[in-house]
Amino acid sequence: MILPLTYFIEKPFQNWTRHSAQLLGSVFIYVDYGMPLAPLREEVERIVKAAPEWDGRFFNLRVNDATERTMRIRVLCTAATSGLAFDLRCSVREGLIDFMQREYPQFLPKMRVEADPTMAAATA
């Protein structure tokens, strides 16, 4: 198949297989600042090691961003192919959400609104 150079200029792409077909997948979840990280790390380890898609090379969990409302957690995990990496990422994401809903629902992201006590007194 021959494609003109303009095809690649007009339709950007990413080559994820520069060295091999093995991939590093990212999963992002947002949690409240009260969420303890140690139980999340243990759960990620349990989920990844139980997943048949994981190739056994690498996984970790890190806080990679913090906003005024939440921490952004990034889980990295490896798989042999892009299809397996996609399935592994979905399994990890679903597993962490399930874990938090079951064990730490109070630390799922939520919007907080605090009333100004001086305003409440003024309107009363």
PDB file of N, CA and C in Angstrom:
ATOM      1  N   MET A   1       0.840  -1.166   0.000  1.00  0.00           N
ATOM      2  CA  MET A   1       0.000   0.000   0.000  1.00  0.00           C
ATOM      3  C   MET A   1       0.896   1.243   0.000  1.00  0.00           C
ATOM      4  N   ILE A   2       0.600   2.157  -0.865  1.00  0.00           N
ATOM      5  CA  ILE A   2       1.362   3.400  -0.952  1.00  0.00           C
ATOM      6  C   ILE A   2       0.423   4.551  -0.624  1.00  0.00           C
ATOM      7  N   LEU A   3       0.864   5.386   0.330  1.00  0.00           N
ATOM      8  CA  LEU A   3       0.080   6.551   0.718  1.00  0.00           C
ATOM      9  C   LEU A   3       0.917   7.803   0.503  1.00  0.00           C
ATOM     10  N   PRO A   4       0.281   8.871   0.038  1.00  0.00           N
ATOM     11  CA  PRO A   4       1.039  10.113  -0.145  1.00  0.00           C
ATOM     12  C   PRO A   4       1.421  10.718   1.211  1.00  0.00           C
ATOM     13  N   LEU A   5       2.514  11.449   1.239  1.00  0.00           N
ATOM     14  CA  LEU A   5       2.993  12.078   2.454  1.00  0.00           C
ATOM     15  C   LEU A   5       1.935  12.996   3.075  1.00  0.00           C
ATOM     16  N   THR A   6       1.120  13.623   2.261  1.00  0.00           N
ATOM     17  CA  THR A   6       0.098  14.533   2.788  1.00  0.00           C
ATOM     18  C   THR A   6      -0.900  13.795   3.678  1.00  0.00           C
ATOM     19  N   TYR A   7      -1.090  12.512   3.440  1.00  0.00           N
ATOM     20  CA  TYR A   7      -1.995  11.719   4.287  1.00  0.00           C
ATOM     21  C   TYR A   7      -1.522  11.767   5.736  1.00  0.00           C
ATOM     22  N   PHE A   8      -0.225  11.588   5.975  1.00  0.00           N
ATOM     23  CA  PHE A   8       0.320  11.564   7.332  1.00  0.00           C
ATOM     24  C   PHE A   8       0.415  12.963   7.934  1.00  0.00           C
ATOM     25  N   ILE A   9       0.541  13.969   7.098  1.00  0.00           N
ATOM     26  CA  ILE A   9       0.582  15.344   7.594  1.00  0.00           C
ATOM     27  C   ILE A   9      -0.813  15.783   8.042  1.00  0.00           C
ATOM     28  N   GLU A  10      -1.829  15.403   7.281  1.00  0.00           N
ATOM     29  CA  GLU A  10      -3.198  15.817   7.585  1.00  0.00           C
ATOM     30  C   GLU A  10      -3.865  14.923   8.627  1.00  0.00           C
ATOM     31  N   LYS A  11      -3.400  13.698   8.793  1.00  0.00           N
ATOM     32  CA  LYS A  11      -4.003  12.758   9.738  1.00  0.00           C
ATOM     33  C   LYS A  11      -2.926  12.232  10.670  1.00  0.00           C
ATOM     34  N   PRO A  12      -2.661  12.976  11.759  1.00  0.00           N
ATOM     35  CA  PRO A  12      -1.590  12.553  12.667  1.00  0.00           C
ATOM     36  C   PRO A  12      -1.877  11.181  13.279  1.00  0.00           C
ATOM     37  N   PHE A  13      -0.820  10.492  13.606  1.00  0.00           N
ATOM     38  CA  PHE A  13      -0.943   9.166  14.211  1.00  0.00           C
ATOM     39  C   PHE A  13       0.165   9.011  15.242  1.00  0.00           C
ATOM     40  N   GLN A  14       0.021   8.000  16.078  1.00  0.00           N
ATOM     41  CA  GLN A  14       1.055   7.681  17.048  1.00  0.00           C
ATOM     42  C   GLN A  14       1.507   6.250  16.828  1.00  0.00           C
ATOM     43  N   ASN A  15       2.800   6.053  16.759  1.00  0.00           N
ATOM     44  CA  ASN A  15       3.355   4.719  16.627  1.00  0.00           C
ATOM     45  C   ASN A  15       3.768   4.248  18.015  1.00  0.00           C
ATOM     46  N   TRP A  16       3.010   3.307  18.582  1.00  0.00           N
ATOM     47  CA  TRP A  16       3.265   2.800  19.921  1.00  0.00           C
ATOM     48  C   TRP A  16       4.215   1.614  19.901  1.00  0.00           C
ATOM     49  N   THR A  17       4.664   1.199  18.747  1.00  0.00           N
ATOM     50  CA  THR A  17       5.484  -0.010  18.657  1.00  0.00           C
ATOM     51  C   THR A  17       6.866   0.296  18.104  1.00  0.00           C
ATOM     52  N   ARG A  18       7.507   1.326  18.615  1.00  0.00           N
ATOM     53  CA  ARG A  18       8.812   1.720  18.103  1.00  0.00           C
ATOM     54  C   ARG A  18       9.876   0.652  18.330  1.00  0.00           C
ATOM     55  N   HIS A  19       9.865   0.016  19.486  1.00  0.00           N
ATOM     56  CA  HIS A  19      10.888  -0.978  19.793  1.00  0.00           C
ATOM     57  C   HIS A  19      10.324  -2.390  19.817  1.00  0.00           C
ATOM     58  N   SER A  20       9.104  -2.537  20.287  1.00  0.00           N
ATOM     59  CA  SER A  20       8.442  -3.839  20.323  1.00  0.00           C
ATOM     60  C   SER A  20       6.952  -3.594  20.446  1.00  0.00           C
ATOM     61  N   ALA A  21       6.173  -4.654  20.410  1.00  0.00           N
ATOM     62  CA  ALA A  21       4.727  -4.518  20.521  1.00  0.00           C
ATOM     63  C   ALA A  21       4.279  -4.391  21.970  1.00  0.00           C
ATOM     64  N   GLN A  22       5.194  -4.574  22.930  1.00  0.00           N
ATOM     65  CA  GLN A  22       4.829  -4.469  24.331  1.00  0.00           C
ATOM     66  C   GLN A  22       4.511  -3.018  24.673  1.00  0.00           C
ATOM     67  N   LEU A  23       3.447  -2.824  25.433  1.00  0.00           N
ATOM     68  CA  LEU A  23       2.973  -1.477  25.712  1.00  0.00           C
ATOM     69  C   LEU A  23       2.889  -1.186  27.201  1.00  0.00           C
ATOM     70  N   LEU A  24       2.978   0.090  27.514  1.00  0.00           N
ATOM     71  CA  LEU A  24       2.790   0.594  28.863  1.00  0.00           C
ATOM     72  C   LEU A  24       1.484   1.362  28.858  1.00  0.00           C
ATOM     73  N   GLY A  25       0.501   0.892  29.612  1.00  0.00           N
ATOM     74  CA  GLY A  25      -0.812   1.526  29.639  1.00  0.00           C
ATOM     75  C   GLY A  25      -1.005   2.386  30.868  1.00  0.00           C
ATOM     76  N   SER A  26      -1.748   3.480  30.716  1.00  0.00           N
ATOM     77  CA  SER A  26      -2.036   4.395  31.819  1.00  0.00           C
ATOM     78  C   SER A  26      -3.508   4.367  32.164  1.00  0.00           C
ATOM     79  N   VAL A  27      -3.778   4.389  33.456  1.00  0.00           N
ATOM     80  CA  VAL A  27      -5.140   4.513  33.963  1.00  0.00           C
ATOM     81  C   VAL A  27      -5.139   5.703  34.908  1.00  0.00           C
ATOM     82  N   PHE A  28      -6.078   6.614  34.735  1.00  0.00           N
ATOM     83  CA  PHE A  28      -6.198   7.767  35.610  1.00  0.00           C
ATOM     84  C   PHE A  28      -7.510   7.683  36.376  1.00  0.00           C
ATOM     85  N   ILE A  29      -7.441   7.933  37.682  1.00  0.00           N
ATOM     86  CA  ILE A  29      -8.655   8.087  38.476  1.00  0.00           C
ATOM     87  C   ILE A  29      -8.466   9.298  39.376  1.00  0.00           C
ATOM     88  N   TYR A  30      -9.559   9.897  39.746  1.00  0.00           N
ATOM     89  CA  TYR A  30      -9.539  11.069  40.606  1.00  0.00           C
ATOM     90  C   TYR A  30     -10.132  10.689  41.958  1.00  0.00           C
ATOM     91  N   VAL A  31      -9.432  11.069  43.029  1.00  0.00           N
ATOM     92  CA  VAL A  31      -9.887  10.731  44.376  1.00  0.00           C
ATOM     93  C   VAL A  31      -9.777  11.958  45.271  1.00  0.00           C
ATOM     94  N   ASP A  32     -10.540  11.927  46.353  1.00  0.00           N
ATOM     95  CA  ASP A  32     -10.490  12.973  47.359  1.00  0.00           C
ATOM     96  C   ASP A  32      -9.158  12.907  48.097  1.00  0.00           C
ATOM     97  N   TYR A  33      -8.724  14.042  48.634  1.00  0.00           N
ATOM     98  CA  TYR A  33      -7.456  14.094  49.356  1.00  0.00           C
ATOM     99  C   TYR A  33      -7.419  13.200  50.586  1.00  0.00           C
ATOM    100  N   GLY A  34      -8.558  12.809  51.105  1.00  0.00           N
ATOM    101  CA  GLY A  34      -8.585  11.949  52.284  1.00  0.00           C
ATOM    102  C   GLY A  34      -8.289  10.489  51.991  1.00  0.00           C
ATOM    103  N   MET A  35      -8.262  10.109  50.715  1.00  0.00           N
ATOM    104  CA  MET A  35      -8.049   8.698  50.356  1.00  0.00           C
ATOM    105  C   MET A  35      -6.631   8.261  50.707  1.00  0.00           C
ATOM    106  N   PRO A  36      -6.493   7.243  51.582  1.00  0.00           N
ATOM    107  CA  PRO A  36      -5.154   6.725  51.873  1.00  0.00           C
ATOM    108  C   PRO A  36      -4.603   5.981  50.657  1.00  0.00           C
ATOM    109  N   LEU A  37      -3.342   6.195  50.353  1.00  0.00           N
ATOM    110  CA  LEU A  37      -2.746   5.616  49.144  1.00  0.00           C
ATOM    111  C   LEU A  37      -2.327   4.162  49.315  1.00  0.00           C
ATOM    112  N   ALA A  38      -1.932   3.759  50.497  1.00  0.00           N
ATOM    113  CA  ALA A  38      -1.466   2.379  50.699  1.00  0.00           C
ATOM    114  C   ALA A  38      -2.517   1.338  50.300  1.00  0.00           C
ATOM    115  N   PRO A  39      -3.789   1.485  50.712  1.00  0.00           N
ATOM    116  CA  PRO A  39      -4.780   0.489  50.270  1.00  0.00           C
ATOM    117  C   PRO A  39      -4.986   0.489  48.754  1.00  0.00           C
ATOM    118  N   LEU A  40      -4.894   1.658  48.123  1.00  0.00           N
ATOM    119  CA  LEU A  40      -5.006   1.709  46.660  1.00  0.00           C
ATOM    120  C   LEU A  40      -3.853   0.960  46.004  1.00  0.00           C
ATOM    121  N   ARG A  41      -2.641   1.154  46.514  1.00  0.00           N
ATOM    122  CA  ARG A  41      -1.479   0.450  45.953  1.00  0.00           C
ATOM    123  C   ARG A  41      -1.638  -1.067  46.103  1.00  0.00           C
ATOM    124  N   GLU A  42      -2.117  -1.498  47.271  1.00  0.00           N
ATOM    125  CA  GLU A  42      -2.331  -2.937  47.486  1.00  0.00           C
ATOM    126  C   GLU A  42      -3.382  -3.485  46.535  1.00  0.00           C
ATOM    127  N   GLU A  43      -4.444  -2.714  46.321  1.00  0.00           N
ATOM    128  CA  GLU A  43      -5.506  -3.170  45.421  1.00  0.00           C
ATOM    129  C   GLU A  43      -5.032  -3.210  43.974  1.00  0.00           C
ATOM    130  N   VAL A  44      -4.244  -2.223  43.569  1.00  0.00           N
ATOM    131  CA  VAL A  44      -3.686  -2.241  42.214  1.00  0.00           C
ATOM    132  C   VAL A  44      -2.821  -3.482  42.031  1.00  0.00           C
ATOM    133  N   GLU A  45      -1.993  -3.777  43.006  1.00  0.00           N
ATOM    134  CA  GLU A  45      -1.149  -4.970  42.922  1.00  0.00           C
ATOM    135  C   GLU A  45      -1.993  -6.234  42.783  1.00  0.00           C
ATOM    136  N   ARG A  46      -3.052  -6.336  43.576  1.00  0.00           N
ATOM    137  CA  ARG A  46      -3.926  -7.510  43.505  1.00  0.00           C
ATOM    138  C   ARG A  46      -4.603  -7.612  42.133  1.00  0.00           C
ATOM    139  N   ILE A  47      -5.136  -6.487  41.653  1.00  0.00           N
ATOM    140  CA  ILE A  47      -5.843  -6.477  40.363  1.00  0.00           C
ATOM    141  C   ILE A  47      -4.900  -6.833  39.223  1.00  0.00           C
ATOM    142  N   VAL A  48      -3.753  -6.170  39.167  1.00  0.00           N
ATOM    143  CA  VAL A  48      -2.828  -6.373  38.048  1.00  0.00           C
ATOM    144  C   VAL A  48      -2.278  -7.794  38.046  1.00  0.00           C
ATOM    145  N   LYS A  49      -1.856  -8.278  39.203  1.00  0.00           N
ATOM    146  CA  LYS A  49      -1.279  -9.625  39.248  1.00  0.00           C
ATOM    147  C   LYS A  49      -2.302 -10.705  38.924  1.00  0.00           C
ATOM    148  N   ALA A  50      -3.578 -10.432  39.151  1.00  0.00           N
ATOM    149  CA  ALA A  50      -4.631 -11.407  38.831  1.00  0.00           C
ATOM    150  C   ALA A  50      -5.080 -11.326  37.375  1.00  0.00           C
ATOM    151  N   ALA A  51      -4.700 -10.267  36.676  1.00  0.00           N
ATOM    152  CA  ALA A  51      -5.165 -10.058  35.297  1.00  0.00           C
ATOM    153  C   ALA A  51      -4.363 -10.894  34.312  1.00  0.00           C
ATOM    154  N   PRO A  52      -5.045 -11.710  33.506  1.00  0.00           N
ATOM    155  CA  PRO A  52      -4.324 -12.505  32.505  1.00  0.00           C
ATOM    156  C   PRO A  52      -3.682 -11.646  31.416  1.00  0.00           C
ATOM    157  N   GLU A  53      -4.133 -10.410  31.252  1.00  0.00           N
ATOM    158  CA  GLU A  53      -3.577  -9.528  30.221  1.00  0.00           C
ATOM    159  C   GLU A  53      -2.206  -8.975  30.607  1.00  0.00           C
ATOM    160  N   TRP A  54      -1.890  -8.937  31.895  1.00  0.00           N
ATOM    161  CA  TRP A  54      -0.627  -8.363  32.351  1.00  0.00           C
ATOM    162  C   TRP A  54       0.529  -9.259  31.941  1.00  0.00           C
ATOM    163  N   ASP A  55       1.597  -8.675  31.433  1.00  0.00           N
ATOM    164  CA  ASP A  55       2.737  -9.464  30.962  1.00  0.00           C
ATOM    165  C   ASP A  55       3.800  -9.685  32.035  1.00  0.00           C
ATOM    166  N   GLY A  56       3.578  -9.196  33.249  1.00  0.00           N
ATOM    167  CA  GLY A  56       4.491  -9.446  34.354  1.00  0.00           C
ATOM    168  C   GLY A  56       5.689  -8.522  34.428  1.00  0.00           C
ATOM    169  N   ARG A  57       5.776  -7.535  33.554  1.00  0.00           N
ATOM    170  CA  ARG A  57       6.953  -6.665  33.538  1.00  0.00           C
ATOM    171  C   ARG A  57       6.919  -5.558  34.575  1.00  0.00           C
ATOM    172  N   PHE A  58       5.827  -4.783  34.634  1.00  0.00           N
ATOM    173  CA  PHE A  58       5.859  -3.567  35.438  1.00  0.00           C
ATOM    174  C   PHE A  58       4.451  -3.085  35.751  1.00  0.00           C
ATOM    175  N   PHE A  59       4.281  -2.517  36.944  1.00  0.00           N
ATOM    176  CA  PHE A  59       3.097  -1.742  37.293  1.00  0.00           C
ATOM    177  C   PHE A  59       3.464  -0.823  38.457  1.00  0.00           C
ATOM    178  N   ASN A  60       2.761   0.292  38.576  1.00  0.00           N
ATOM    179  CA  ASN A  60       2.893   1.145  39.750  1.00  0.00           C
ATOM    180  C   ASN A  60       1.710   2.087  39.852  1.00  0.00           C
ATOM    181  N   LEU A  61       1.606   2.744  40.994  1.00  0.00           N
ATOM    182  CA  LEU A  61       0.578   3.744  41.248  1.00  0.00           C
ATOM    183  C   LEU A  61       1.272   4.976  41.816  1.00  0.00           C
ATOM    184  N   ARG A  62       0.954   6.132  41.249  1.00  0.00           N
ATOM    185  CA  ARG A  62       1.522   7.393  41.709  1.00  0.00           C
ATOM    186  C   ARG A  62       0.445   8.481  41.659  1.00  0.00           C
ATOM    187  N   VAL A  63       0.561   9.452  42.556  1.00  0.00           N
ATOM    188  CA  VAL A  63      -0.247  10.666  42.446  1.00  0.00           C
ATOM    189  C   VAL A  63       0.487  11.546  41.452  1.00  0.00           C
ATOM    190  N   ASN A  64      -0.134  11.828  40.321  1.00  0.00           N
ATOM    191  CA  ASN A  64       0.602  12.603  39.324  1.00  0.00           C
ATOM    192  C   ASN A  64       0.035  13.993  39.083  1.00  0.00           C
ATOM    193  N   ASP A  65      -1.021  14.355  39.829  1.00  0.00           N
ATOM    194  CA  ASP A  65      -1.517  15.723  39.750  1.00  0.00           C
ATOM    195  C   ASP A  65      -2.399  15.979  40.965  1.00  0.00           C
ATOM    196  N   ALA A  66      -2.537  17.242  41.299  1.00  0.00           N
ATOM    197  CA  ALA A  66      -3.397  17.651  42.402  1.00  0.00           C
ATOM    198  C   ALA A  66      -4.086  18.946  42.006  1.00  0.00           C
ATOM    199  N   THR A  67      -5.400  18.955  42.119  1.00  0.00           N
ATOM    200  CA  THR A  67      -6.166  20.165  41.843  1.00  0.00           C
ATOM    201  C   THR A  67      -6.711  20.693  43.156  1.00  0.00           C
ATOM    202  N   GLU A  68      -7.497  21.733  43.080  1.00  0.00           N
ATOM    203  CA  GLU A  68      -8.095  22.265  44.303  1.00  0.00           C
ATOM    204  C   GLU A  68      -9.125  21.311  44.895  1.00  0.00           C
ATOM    205  N   ARG A  69      -9.569  20.315  44.115  1.00  0.00           N
ATOM    206  CA  ARG A  69     -10.613  19.409  44.596  1.00  0.00           C
ATOM    207  C   ARG A  69     -10.164  17.960  44.756  1.00  0.00           C
ATOM    208  N   THR A  70      -9.259  17.491  43.916  1.00  0.00           N
ATOM    209  CA  THR A  70      -8.927  16.069  43.918  1.00  0.00           C
ATOM    210  C   THR A  70      -7.448  15.831  43.661  1.00  0.00           C
ATOM    211  N   MET A  71      -7.045  14.593  43.957  1.00  0.00           N
ATOM    212  CA  MET A  71      -5.742  14.082  43.528  1.00  0.00           C
ATOM    213  C   MET A  71      -5.997  13.236  42.282  1.00  0.00           C
ATOM    214  N   ARG A  72      -5.108  13.326  41.326  1.00  0.00           N
ATOM    215  CA  ARG A  72      -5.208  12.449  40.163  1.00  0.00           C
ATOM    216  C   ARG A  72      -4.202  11.333  40.355  1.00  0.00           C
ATOM    217  N   ILE A  73      -4.712  10.108  40.345  1.00  0.00           N
ATOM    218  CA  ILE A  73      -3.905   8.913  40.517  1.00  0.00           C
ATOM    219  C   ILE A  73      -3.640   8.323  39.138  1.00  0.00           C
ATOM    220  N   ARG A  74      -2.385   7.978  38.875  1.00  0.00           N
ATOM    221  CA  ARG A  74      -2.039   7.307  37.619  1.00  0.00           C
ATOM    222  C   ARG A  74      -1.513   5.923  37.947  1.00  0.00           C
ATOM    223  N   VAL A  75      -2.077   4.938  37.285  1.00  0.00           N
ATOM    224  CA  VAL A  75      -1.587   3.569  37.376  1.00  0.00           C
ATOM    225  C   VAL A  75      -0.956   3.235  36.036  1.00  0.00           C
ATOM    226  N   LEU A  76       0.270   2.763  36.061  1.00  0.00           N
ATOM    227  CA  LEU A  76       0.938   2.267  34.860  1.00  0.00           C
ATOM    228  C   LEU A  76       1.011   0.752  34.952  1.00  0.00           C
ATOM    229  N   CYS A  77       0.774   0.091  33.839  1.00  0.00           N
ATOM    230  CA  CYS A  77       0.884  -1.364  33.795  1.00  0.00           C
ATOM    231  C   CYS A  77       1.221  -1.782  32.363  1.00  0.00           C
ATOM    232  N   THR A  78       1.883  -2.910  32.232  1.00  0.00           N
ATOM    233  CA  THR A  78       2.362  -3.340  30.921  1.00  0.00           C
ATOM    234  C   THR A  78       1.590  -4.547  30.400  1.00  0.00           C
ATOM    235  N   ALA A  79       1.538  -4.632  29.084  1.00  0.00           N
ATOM    236  CA  ALA A  79       0.900  -5.752  28.400  1.00  0.00           C
ATOM    237  C   ALA A  79       1.666  -6.027  27.108  1.00  0.00           C
ATOM    238  N   ALA A  80       1.486  -7.208  26.586  1.00  0.00           N
ATOM    239  CA  ALA A  80       2.246  -7.629  25.418  1.00  0.00           C
ATOM    240  C   ALA A  80       1.784  -6.969  24.118  1.00  0.00           C
ATOM    241  N   THR A  81       0.500  -6.644  24.008  1.00  0.00           N
ATOM    242  CA  THR A  81      -0.025  -6.060  22.773  1.00  0.00           C
ATOM    243  C   THR A  81      -0.976  -4.918  23.103  1.00  0.00           C
ATOM    244  N   SER A  82      -1.320  -4.142  22.095  1.00  0.00           N
ATOM    245  CA  SER A  82      -2.220  -3.011  22.319  1.00  0.00           C
ATOM    246  C   SER A  82      -3.604  -3.469  22.754  1.00  0.00           C
ATOM    247  N   GLY A  83      -4.095  -4.555  22.190  1.00  0.00           N
ATOM    248  CA  GLY A  83      -5.405  -5.076  22.583  1.00  0.00           C
ATOM    249  C   GLY A  83      -5.431  -5.519  24.039  1.00  0.00           C
ATOM    250  N   LEU A  84      -4.383  -6.216  24.454  1.00  0.00           N
ATOM    251  CA  LEU A  84      -4.289  -6.646  25.849  1.00  0.00           C
ATOM    252  C   LEU A  84      -4.119  -5.444  26.777  1.00  0.00           C
ATOM    253  N   ALA A  85      -3.364  -4.436  26.337  1.00  0.00           N
ATOM    254  CA  ALA A  85      -3.174  -3.233  27.156  1.00  0.00           C
ATOM    255  C   ALA A  85      -4.502  -2.521  27.377  1.00  0.00           C
ATOM    256  N   PHE A  86      -5.320  -2.444  26.337  1.00  0.00           N
ATOM    257  CA  PHE A  86      -6.631  -1.803  26.477  1.00  0.00           C
ATOM    258  C   PHE A  86      -7.485  -2.562  27.486  1.00  0.00           C
ATOM    259  N   ASP A  87      -7.549  -3.873  27.354  1.00  0.00           N
ATOM    260  CA  ASP A  87      -8.346  -4.683  28.279  1.00  0.00           C
ATOM    261  C   ASP A  87      -7.819  -4.594  29.704  1.00  0.00           C
ATOM    262  N   LEU A  88      -6.511  -4.583  29.870  1.00  0.00           N
ATOM    263  CA  LEU A  88      -5.915  -4.461  31.198  1.00  0.00           C
ATOM    264  C   LEU A  88      -6.252  -3.111  31.821  1.00  0.00           C
ATOM    265  N   ARG A  89      -6.155  -2.053  31.048  1.00  0.00           N
ATOM    266  CA  ARG A  89      -6.504  -0.726  31.565  1.00  0.00           C
ATOM    267  C   ARG A  89      -7.957  -0.679  32.014  1.00  0.00           C
ATOM    268  N   CYS A  90      -8.844  -1.258  31.246  1.00  0.00           N
ATOM    269  CA  CYS A  90     -10.265  -1.290  31.633  1.00  0.00           C
ATOM    270  C   CYS A  90     -10.461  -2.087  32.922  1.00  0.00           C
ATOM    271  N   SER A  91      -9.788  -3.228  33.029  1.00  0.00           N
ATOM    272  CA  SER A  91      -9.912  -4.053  34.239  1.00  0.00           C
ATOM    273  C   SER A  91      -9.398  -3.319  35.471  1.00  0.00           C
ATOM    274  N   VAL A  92      -8.274  -2.640  35.337  1.00  0.00           N
ATOM    275  CA  VAL A  92      -7.707  -1.901  36.470  1.00  0.00           C
ATOM    276  C   VAL A  92      -8.637  -0.769  36.873  1.00  0.00           C
ATOM    277  N   ARG A  93      -9.127  -0.019  35.901  1.00  0.00           N
ATOM    278  CA  ARG A  93     -10.026   1.105  36.192  1.00  0.00           C
ATOM    279  C   ARG A  93     -11.294   0.609  36.881  1.00  0.00           C
ATOM    280  N   GLU A  94     -11.919  -0.414  36.321  1.00  0.00           N
ATOM    281  CA  GLU A  94     -13.144  -0.953  36.914  1.00  0.00           C
ATOM    282  C   GLU A  94     -12.882  -1.508  38.309  1.00  0.00           C
ATOM    283  N   GLY A  95     -11.756  -2.191  38.479  1.00  0.00           N
ATOM    284  CA  GLY A  95     -11.424  -2.765  39.774  1.00  0.00           C
ATOM    285  C   GLY A  95     -11.209  -1.709  40.836  1.00  0.00           C
ATOM    286  N   LEU A  96     -10.531  -0.625  40.486  1.00  0.00           N
ATOM    287  CA  LEU A  96     -10.296   0.443  41.457  1.00  0.00           C
ATOM    288  C   LEU A  96     -11.584   1.180  41.816  1.00  0.00           C
ATOM    289  N   ILE A  97     -12.416   1.410  40.830  1.00  0.00           N
ATOM    290  CA  ILE A  97     -13.705   2.061  41.115  1.00  0.00           C
ATOM    291  C   ILE A  97     -14.540   1.172  42.024  1.00  0.00           C
ATOM    292  N   ASP A  98     -14.609  -0.109  41.717  1.00  0.00           N
ATOM    293  CA  ASP A  98     -15.359  -1.044  42.555  1.00  0.00           C
ATOM    294  C   ASP A  98     -14.808  -1.069  43.982  1.00  0.00           C
ATOM    295  N   PHE A  99     -13.483  -1.121  44.107  1.00  0.00           N
ATOM    296  CA  PHE A  99     -12.835  -1.134  45.414  1.00  0.00           C
ATOM    297  C   PHE A  99     -13.197   0.121  46.211  1.00  0.00           C
ATOM    298  N   MET A 100     -13.115   1.270  45.577  1.00  0.00           N
ATOM    299  CA  MET A 100     -13.423   2.507  46.282  1.00  0.00           C
ATOM    300  C   MET A 100     -14.902   2.611  46.640  1.00  0.00           C
ATOM    301  N   GLN A 101     -15.769   2.190  45.743  1.00  0.00           N
ATOM    302  CA  GLN A 101     -17.199   2.219  46.054  1.00  0.00           C
ATOM    303  C   GLN A 101     -17.518   1.326  47.253  1.00  0.00           C
ATOM    304  N   ARG A 102     -16.838   0.206  47.338  1.00  0.00           N
ATOM    305  CA  ARG A 102     -17.082  -0.774  48.402  1.00  0.00           C
ATOM    306  C   ARG A 102     -16.402  -0.393  49.715  1.00  0.00           C
ATOM    307  N   GLU A 103     -15.132   0.029  49.651  1.00  0.00           N
ATOM    308  CA  GLU A 103     -14.327   0.224  50.861  1.00  0.00           C
ATOM    309  C   GLU A 103     -14.151   1.684  51.289  1.00  0.00           C
ATOM    310  N   TYR A 104     -14.141   2.604  50.336  1.00  0.00           N
ATOM    311  CA  TYR A 104     -13.860   4.008  50.648  1.00  0.00           C
ATOM    312  C   TYR A 104     -14.793   4.956  49.879  1.00  0.00           C
ATOM    313  N   PRO A 105     -16.093   4.750  49.960  1.00  0.00           N
ATOM    314  CA  PRO A 105     -16.992   5.613  49.165  1.00  0.00           C
ATOM    315  C   PRO A 105     -16.915   7.085  49.556  1.00  0.00           C
ATOM    316  N   GLN A 106     -16.518   7.361  50.786  1.00  0.00           N
ATOM    317  CA  GLN A 106     -16.441   8.752  51.242  1.00  0.00           C
ATOM    318  C   GLN A 106     -15.325   9.525  50.545  1.00  0.00           C
ATOM    319  N   PHE A 107     -14.408   8.823  49.877  1.00  0.00           N
ATOM    320  CA  PHE A 107     -13.285   9.500  49.224  1.00  0.00           C
ATOM    321  C   PHE A 107     -13.405   9.543  47.702  1.00  0.00           C
ATOM    322  N   LEU A 108     -14.563   9.164  47.190  1.00  0.00           N
ATOM    323  CA  LEU A 108     -14.809   9.379  45.770  1.00  0.00           C
ATOM    324  C   LEU A 108     -14.979  10.884  45.553  1.00  0.00           C
ATOM    325  N   PRO A 109     -14.626  11.399  44.399  1.00  0.00           N
ATOM    326  CA  PRO A 109     -14.708  12.849  44.185  1.00  0.00           C
ATOM    327  C   PRO A 109     -16.141  13.355  44.341  1.00  0.00           C
ATOM    328  N   LYS A 110     -16.248  14.511  44.961  1.00  0.00           N
ATOM    329  CA  LYS A 110     -17.552  15.152  45.103  1.00  0.00           C
ATOM    330  C   LYS A 110     -17.349  16.658  45.175  1.00  0.00           C
ATOM    331  N   MET A 111     -18.379  17.378  44.859  1.00  0.00           N
ATOM    332  CA  MET A 111     -18.320  18.832  44.909  1.00  0.00           C
ATOM    333  C   MET A 111     -18.671  19.274  46.322  1.00  0.00           C
ATOM    334  N   ARG A 112     -17.850  20.149  46.877  1.00  0.00           N
ATOM    335  CA  ARG A 112     -18.112  20.685  48.215  1.00  0.00           C
ATOM    336  C   ARG A 112     -18.497  22.149  48.093  1.00  0.00           C
ATOM    337  N   VAL A 113     -19.494  22.522  48.858  1.00  0.00           N
ATOM    338  CA  VAL A 113     -19.896  23.920  48.922  1.00  0.00           C
ATOM    339  C   VAL A 113     -19.950  24.294  50.394  1.00  0.00           C
ATOM    340  N   GLU A 114     -19.216  25.316  50.760  1.00  0.00           N
ATOM    341  CA  GLU A 114     -19.228  25.787  52.131  1.00  0.00           C
ATOM    342  C   GLU A 114     -19.889  27.148  52.178  1.00  0.00           C
ATOM    343  N   ALA A 115     -20.847  27.265  53.060  1.00  0.00           N
ATOM    344  CA  ALA A 115     -21.547  28.539  53.213  1.00  0.00           C
ATOM    345  C   ALA A 115     -20.694  29.481  54.056  1.00  0.00           C
ATOM    346  N   ASP A 116     -20.738  30.729  53.702  1.00  0.00           N
ATOM    347  CA  ASP A 116     -20.027  31.749  54.470  1.00  0.00           C
ATOM    348  C   ASP A 116     -20.909  32.076  55.682  1.00  0.00           C
ATOM    349  N   PRO A 117     -20.435  31.810  56.924  1.00  0.00           N
ATOM    350  CA  PRO A 117     -21.276  32.026  58.097  1.00  0.00           C
ATOM    351  C   PRO A 117     -21.679  33.495  58.270  1.00  0.00           C
ATOM    352  N   THR A 118     -20.864  34.413  57.817  1.00  0.00           N
ATOM    353  CA  THR A 118     -21.231  35.822  57.947  1.00  0.00           C
ATOM    354  C   THR A 118     -22.386  36.183  57.012  1.00  0.00           C
ATOM    355  N   MET A 119     -22.458  35.540  55.880  1.00  0.00           N
ATOM    356  CA  MET A 119     -23.561  35.780  54.942  1.00  0.00           C
ATOM    357  C   MET A 119     -24.858  35.188  55.492  1.00  0.00           C
ATOM    358  N   ALA A 120     -24.786  34.012  56.111  1.00  0.00           N
ATOM    359  CA  ALA A 120     -25.984  33.378  56.676  1.00  0.00           C
ATOM    360  C   ALA A 120     -26.552  34.236  57.802  1.00  0.00           C
ATOM    361  N   ALA A 121     -25.677  34.811  58.633  1.00  0.00           N
ATOM    362  CA  ALA A 121     -26.140  35.655  59.725  1.00  0.00           C
ATOM    363  C   ALA A 121     -26.758  36.942  59.202  1.00  0.00           C
ATOM    364  N   ALA A 122     -26.249  37.468  58.109  1.00  0.00           N
ATOM    365  CA  ALA A 122     -26.739  38.719  57.560  1.00  0.00           C
ATOM    366  C   ALA A 122     -28.122  38.555  56.955  1.00  0.00           C
ATOM    367  N   THR A 123     -28.438  37.387  56.424  1.00  0.00           N
ATOM    368  CA  THR A 123     -29.734  37.176  55.775  1.00  0.00           C
ATOM    369  C   THR A 123     -30.783  36.717  56.765  1.00  0.00           C
ATOM    370  N   ALA A 124     -30.385  36.345  57.953  1.00  0.00           N
ATOM    371  CA  ALA A 124     -31.356  35.841  58.945  1.00  0.00           C
ATOM    372  C   ALA A 124     -32.068  36.955  59.654  1.00  0.00           C
TER     373      ALA A 124
END
